[in-house]
N, C-alpha and C. Protein backbone atom coordinates (compact mmCIF):
# COMPACT_ATOMS: atom_id res chain seq x y z
N UNK A 1 -0.59 -180.78 57.40
CA UNK A 1 -0.16 -181.54 56.24
C UNK A 1 -0.71 -180.85 54.99
N UNK A 2 0.17 -180.52 54.07
CA UNK A 2 -0.24 -179.78 52.89
C UNK A 2 -0.87 -180.65 51.82
N UNK A 3 -1.39 -179.96 50.82
CA UNK A 3 -2.08 -180.60 49.71
C UNK A 3 -1.18 -181.62 49.00
N UNK A 4 0.06 -181.23 48.71
CA UNK A 4 0.94 -182.11 47.95
C UNK A 4 1.23 -183.41 48.70
N UNK A 5 1.47 -183.30 50.01
CA UNK A 5 1.71 -184.51 50.81
C UNK A 5 0.47 -185.38 50.85
N UNK A 6 -0.70 -184.77 51.00
CA UNK A 6 -1.94 -185.54 51.04
C UNK A 6 -2.18 -186.23 49.70
N UNK A 7 -1.94 -185.54 48.61
CA UNK A 7 -2.11 -186.14 47.29
C UNK A 7 -1.18 -187.35 47.14
N UNK A 8 0.08 -187.19 47.49
CA UNK A 8 1.04 -188.30 47.38
C UNK A 8 0.62 -189.49 48.23
N UNK A 9 0.20 -189.22 49.45
CA UNK A 9 -0.24 -190.30 50.34
C UNK A 9 -1.46 -191.01 49.77
N UNK A 10 -2.44 -190.25 49.32
CA UNK A 10 -3.67 -190.86 48.81
C UNK A 10 -3.44 -191.65 47.54
N UNK A 11 -2.58 -191.16 46.66
CA UNK A 11 -2.26 -191.92 45.45
C UNK A 11 -1.69 -193.28 45.83
N UNK A 12 -0.70 -193.28 46.70
CA UNK A 12 -0.06 -194.54 47.10
C UNK A 12 -1.04 -195.46 47.84
N UNK A 13 -1.87 -194.89 48.69
CA UNK A 13 -2.84 -195.69 49.44
C UNK A 13 -3.87 -196.30 48.49
N UNK A 14 -4.34 -195.54 47.52
CA UNK A 14 -5.31 -196.09 46.57
C UNK A 14 -4.68 -197.17 45.69
N UNK A 15 -3.42 -196.99 45.32
CA UNK A 15 -2.73 -198.04 44.56
C UNK A 15 -2.58 -199.31 45.41
N UNK A 16 -2.29 -199.14 46.68
CA UNK A 16 -2.20 -200.28 47.60
C UNK A 16 -3.54 -200.99 47.69
N UNK A 17 -4.62 -200.23 47.85
CA UNK A 17 -5.96 -200.84 47.93
C UNK A 17 -6.27 -201.65 46.68
N UNK A 18 -5.94 -201.09 45.52
CA UNK A 18 -6.20 -201.79 44.26
C UNK A 18 -5.38 -203.08 44.19
N UNK A 19 -4.12 -202.99 44.57
CA UNK A 19 -3.25 -204.17 44.55
C UNK A 19 -3.82 -205.28 45.44
N UNK A 20 -4.27 -204.90 46.63
CA UNK A 20 -4.82 -205.91 47.55
C UNK A 20 -6.14 -206.48 47.02
N UNK A 21 -6.96 -205.66 46.39
CA UNK A 21 -8.21 -206.16 45.81
C UNK A 21 -7.92 -207.18 44.71
N UNK A 22 -6.94 -206.88 43.88
CA UNK A 22 -6.59 -207.79 42.78
C UNK A 22 -6.06 -209.13 43.29
N UNK A 23 -5.43 -209.13 44.44
CA UNK A 23 -4.89 -210.36 45.02
C UNK A 23 -5.98 -211.24 45.63
N UNK A 24 -7.16 -210.68 45.84
CA UNK A 24 -8.31 -211.42 46.39
C UNK A 24 -7.95 -212.20 47.65
N UNK A 25 -7.30 -211.53 48.56
CA UNK A 25 -6.93 -212.15 49.83
C UNK A 25 -8.12 -212.18 50.76
N UNK A 26 -8.10 -213.07 51.75
CA UNK A 26 -9.14 -213.02 52.78
C UNK A 26 -9.11 -211.65 53.46
N UNK A 27 -10.27 -211.18 53.88
CA UNK A 27 -10.40 -209.82 54.42
C UNK A 27 -9.43 -209.55 55.57
N UNK A 28 -9.28 -210.51 56.49
CA UNK A 28 -8.39 -210.26 57.63
C UNK A 28 -6.93 -210.15 57.19
N UNK A 29 -6.52 -210.96 56.22
CA UNK A 29 -5.15 -210.87 55.70
C UNK A 29 -4.94 -209.56 54.97
N UNK A 30 -5.89 -209.19 54.12
CA UNK A 30 -5.79 -207.94 53.37
C UNK A 30 -5.72 -206.75 54.31
N UNK A 31 -6.53 -206.79 55.35
CA UNK A 31 -6.54 -205.68 56.32
C UNK A 31 -5.20 -205.57 57.05
N UNK A 32 -4.64 -206.69 57.44
CA UNK A 32 -3.35 -206.69 58.13
C UNK A 32 -2.24 -206.15 57.22
N UNK A 33 -2.24 -206.60 55.98
CA UNK A 33 -1.25 -206.12 55.02
C UNK A 33 -1.44 -204.63 54.76
N UNK A 34 -2.71 -204.23 54.61
CA UNK A 34 -3.00 -202.81 54.35
C UNK A 34 -2.47 -201.94 55.47
N UNK A 35 -2.74 -202.30 56.71
CA UNK A 35 -2.28 -201.49 57.84
C UNK A 35 -0.76 -201.37 57.86
N UNK A 36 -0.08 -202.49 57.63
CA UNK A 36 1.39 -202.48 57.63
C UNK A 36 1.92 -201.61 56.50
N UNK A 37 1.40 -201.81 55.30
CA UNK A 37 1.92 -201.08 54.15
C UNK A 37 1.49 -199.61 54.16
N UNK A 38 0.32 -199.32 54.71
CA UNK A 38 -0.09 -197.92 54.85
C UNK A 38 0.90 -197.18 55.76
N UNK A 39 1.29 -197.84 56.84
CA UNK A 39 2.27 -197.23 57.75
C UNK A 39 3.60 -197.00 57.03
N UNK A 40 4.01 -197.95 56.21
CA UNK A 40 5.26 -197.80 55.45
C UNK A 40 5.16 -196.63 54.46
N UNK A 41 4.00 -196.48 53.84
CA UNK A 41 3.78 -195.36 52.91
C UNK A 41 3.91 -194.05 53.66
N UNK A 42 3.21 -193.95 54.77
CA UNK A 42 3.24 -192.70 55.55
C UNK A 42 4.65 -192.43 56.07
N UNK A 43 5.33 -193.47 56.55
CA UNK A 43 6.71 -193.30 57.03
C UNK A 43 7.62 -192.79 55.91
N UNK A 44 7.45 -193.33 54.72
CA UNK A 44 8.30 -192.91 53.60
C UNK A 44 8.06 -191.45 53.22
N UNK A 45 6.87 -190.96 53.52
CA UNK A 45 6.54 -189.55 53.25
C UNK A 45 6.79 -188.67 54.47
N UNK A 46 7.31 -189.29 55.53
CA UNK A 46 7.59 -188.59 56.79
C UNK A 46 6.32 -187.95 57.39
N UNK A 47 5.26 -188.77 57.39
CA UNK A 47 3.96 -188.37 57.94
C UNK A 47 3.60 -189.40 59.00
N UNK A 48 3.26 -188.95 60.21
CA UNK A 48 2.80 -189.94 61.19
C UNK A 48 1.30 -190.15 61.01
N UNK A 49 0.84 -191.31 61.49
CA UNK A 49 -0.55 -191.70 61.26
C UNK A 49 -1.53 -190.69 61.84
N UNK A 50 -1.24 -190.17 63.03
CA UNK A 50 -2.14 -189.19 63.65
C UNK A 50 -2.24 -187.93 62.79
N UNK A 51 -1.10 -187.48 62.29
CA UNK A 51 -1.08 -186.30 61.42
C UNK A 51 -1.92 -186.55 60.16
N UNK A 52 -1.78 -187.75 59.58
CA UNK A 52 -2.54 -188.08 58.38
C UNK A 52 -4.04 -188.08 58.69
N UNK A 53 -4.42 -188.75 59.77
CA UNK A 53 -5.85 -188.82 60.13
C UNK A 53 -6.42 -187.43 60.41
N UNK A 54 -5.68 -186.63 61.15
CA UNK A 54 -6.15 -185.27 61.45
C UNK A 54 -6.30 -184.45 60.18
N UNK A 55 -5.34 -184.56 59.28
CA UNK A 55 -5.42 -183.82 58.03
C UNK A 55 -6.57 -184.33 57.17
N UNK A 56 -6.73 -185.65 57.12
CA UNK A 56 -7.83 -186.21 56.33
C UNK A 56 -9.17 -185.75 56.90
N UNK A 57 -9.29 -185.75 58.21
CA UNK A 57 -10.52 -185.25 58.85
C UNK A 57 -10.77 -183.79 58.50
N UNK A 58 -9.71 -182.98 58.47
CA UNK A 58 -9.84 -181.57 58.08
C UNK A 58 -10.41 -181.47 56.67
N UNK A 59 -9.82 -182.24 55.75
CA UNK A 59 -10.27 -182.17 54.36
C UNK A 59 -11.70 -182.69 54.21
N UNK A 60 -12.08 -183.67 55.01
CA UNK A 60 -13.46 -184.17 54.97
C UNK A 60 -14.43 -183.06 55.40
N UNK A 61 -14.02 -182.27 56.39
CA UNK A 61 -14.87 -181.17 56.87
C UNK A 61 -14.86 -179.97 55.92
N UNK A 62 -13.94 -179.96 54.98
CA UNK A 62 -13.82 -178.86 54.01
C UNK A 62 -13.83 -179.46 52.60
N UNK A 63 -15.01 -179.85 52.13
CA UNK A 63 -15.10 -180.55 50.85
C UNK A 63 -14.55 -179.77 49.66
N UNK A 64 -14.53 -178.45 49.76
CA UNK A 64 -13.98 -177.66 48.65
C UNK A 64 -12.48 -177.96 48.47
N UNK A 65 -11.77 -178.21 49.57
CA UNK A 65 -10.36 -178.58 49.48
C UNK A 65 -10.20 -180.05 49.10
N UNK A 66 -11.07 -180.89 49.64
CA UNK A 66 -11.01 -182.31 49.33
C UNK A 66 -11.25 -182.55 47.84
N UNK A 67 -12.17 -181.78 47.24
CA UNK A 67 -12.42 -181.90 45.80
C UNK A 67 -11.17 -181.60 44.99
N UNK A 68 -10.44 -180.57 45.39
CA UNK A 68 -9.20 -180.21 44.69
C UNK A 68 -8.19 -181.35 44.81
N UNK A 69 -8.06 -181.88 46.01
CA UNK A 69 -7.11 -182.97 46.24
C UNK A 69 -7.49 -184.20 45.41
N UNK A 70 -8.76 -184.59 45.46
CA UNK A 70 -9.16 -185.80 44.74
C UNK A 70 -9.15 -185.60 43.23
N UNK A 71 -9.33 -184.40 42.75
CA UNK A 71 -9.18 -184.14 41.32
C UNK A 71 -7.75 -184.46 40.90
N UNK A 72 -6.79 -184.03 41.69
CA UNK A 72 -5.38 -184.30 41.41
C UNK A 72 -5.08 -185.80 41.52
N UNK A 73 -5.61 -186.44 42.56
CA UNK A 73 -5.39 -187.88 42.75
C UNK A 73 -5.95 -188.66 41.56
N UNK A 74 -7.18 -188.35 41.17
CA UNK A 74 -7.82 -189.06 40.06
C UNK A 74 -7.08 -188.82 38.76
N UNK A 75 -6.66 -187.58 38.52
CA UNK A 75 -5.89 -187.29 37.30
C UNK A 75 -4.61 -188.11 37.26
N UNK A 76 -3.91 -188.19 38.38
CA UNK A 76 -2.66 -188.94 38.44
C UNK A 76 -2.91 -190.43 38.23
N UNK A 77 -3.92 -190.97 38.89
CA UNK A 77 -4.22 -192.39 38.74
C UNK A 77 -4.67 -192.71 37.31
N UNK A 78 -5.44 -191.80 36.70
CA UNK A 78 -5.88 -192.00 35.32
C UNK A 78 -4.69 -191.99 34.37
N UNK A 79 -3.75 -191.08 34.59
CA UNK A 79 -2.54 -191.02 33.77
C UNK A 79 -1.74 -192.31 33.92
N UNK A 80 -1.60 -192.78 35.14
CA UNK A 80 -0.86 -194.03 35.38
C UNK A 80 -1.54 -195.20 34.67
N UNK A 81 -2.87 -195.24 34.72
CA UNK A 81 -3.61 -196.30 34.05
C UNK A 81 -3.40 -196.23 32.54
N UNK A 82 -3.47 -195.03 31.97
CA UNK A 82 -3.27 -194.87 30.53
C UNK A 82 -1.87 -195.31 30.12
N UNK A 83 -0.88 -194.94 30.91
CA UNK A 83 0.50 -195.33 30.62
C UNK A 83 0.65 -196.85 30.69
N UNK A 84 0.06 -197.46 31.70
CA UNK A 84 0.13 -198.92 31.85
C UNK A 84 -0.54 -199.61 30.66
N UNK A 85 -1.68 -199.09 30.23
CA UNK A 85 -2.38 -199.69 29.09
C UNK A 85 -1.57 -199.55 27.81
N UNK A 86 -0.91 -198.40 27.63
CA UNK A 86 -0.09 -198.21 26.44
C UNK A 86 1.13 -199.13 26.48
N UNK A 87 1.70 -199.31 27.65
CA UNK A 87 2.85 -200.22 27.76
C UNK A 87 2.44 -201.65 27.43
N UNK A 88 1.24 -202.04 27.88
CA UNK A 88 0.74 -203.39 27.59
C UNK A 88 0.54 -203.59 26.09
N UNK A 89 0.14 -202.51 25.40
CA UNK A 89 -0.09 -202.63 23.96
C UNK A 89 1.19 -202.46 23.15
N UNK A 90 2.31 -202.16 23.84
CA UNK A 90 3.60 -202.05 23.18
C UNK A 90 3.95 -200.66 22.72
N UNK A 91 3.12 -199.68 23.01
CA UNK A 91 3.42 -198.30 22.64
C UNK A 91 4.52 -197.76 23.54
N UNK A 92 5.29 -196.82 23.02
CA UNK A 92 6.33 -196.16 23.81
C UNK A 92 5.74 -194.88 24.38
N UNK A 93 5.85 -194.73 25.70
CA UNK A 93 5.31 -193.55 26.36
C UNK A 93 6.25 -193.09 27.45
N UNK A 94 6.00 -191.89 27.92
CA UNK A 94 6.75 -191.38 29.07
C UNK A 94 6.29 -192.10 30.32
N UNK A 95 7.11 -192.04 31.35
CA UNK A 95 6.75 -192.68 32.60
C UNK A 95 5.82 -191.80 33.41
N UNK A 96 5.07 -192.42 34.30
CA UNK A 96 4.15 -191.69 35.17
C UNK A 96 4.93 -190.87 36.16
N UNK A 97 4.35 -189.75 36.58
CA UNK A 97 5.02 -188.94 37.60
C UNK A 97 5.07 -189.69 38.92
N UNK A 98 6.04 -189.37 39.77
CA UNK A 98 6.11 -190.03 41.07
C UNK A 98 4.90 -189.67 41.92
N UNK A 99 4.54 -190.59 42.80
CA UNK A 99 3.39 -190.35 43.69
C UNK A 99 3.75 -189.35 44.74
């Protein structure tokens, strides 16, 4: 699994985690929803769960690559947050890039 696919998956997964945290669901409900929606995210990216886990484990063992991936993930999430904040304040801005 390449860097771009991992970045897309992680962006969507982190957005899912944030959404579930904001909903303040009971832990068991949040976990069940997370597992279901994580599978949907991976399916939409044509990544199976085993492939994702194996790739994530690879990146964990190679922090120099993981740093590059998370720099991109954080930059994308920060941009999305800035765009959302500008939209809330009524400013006109470009849309965030796709995950």
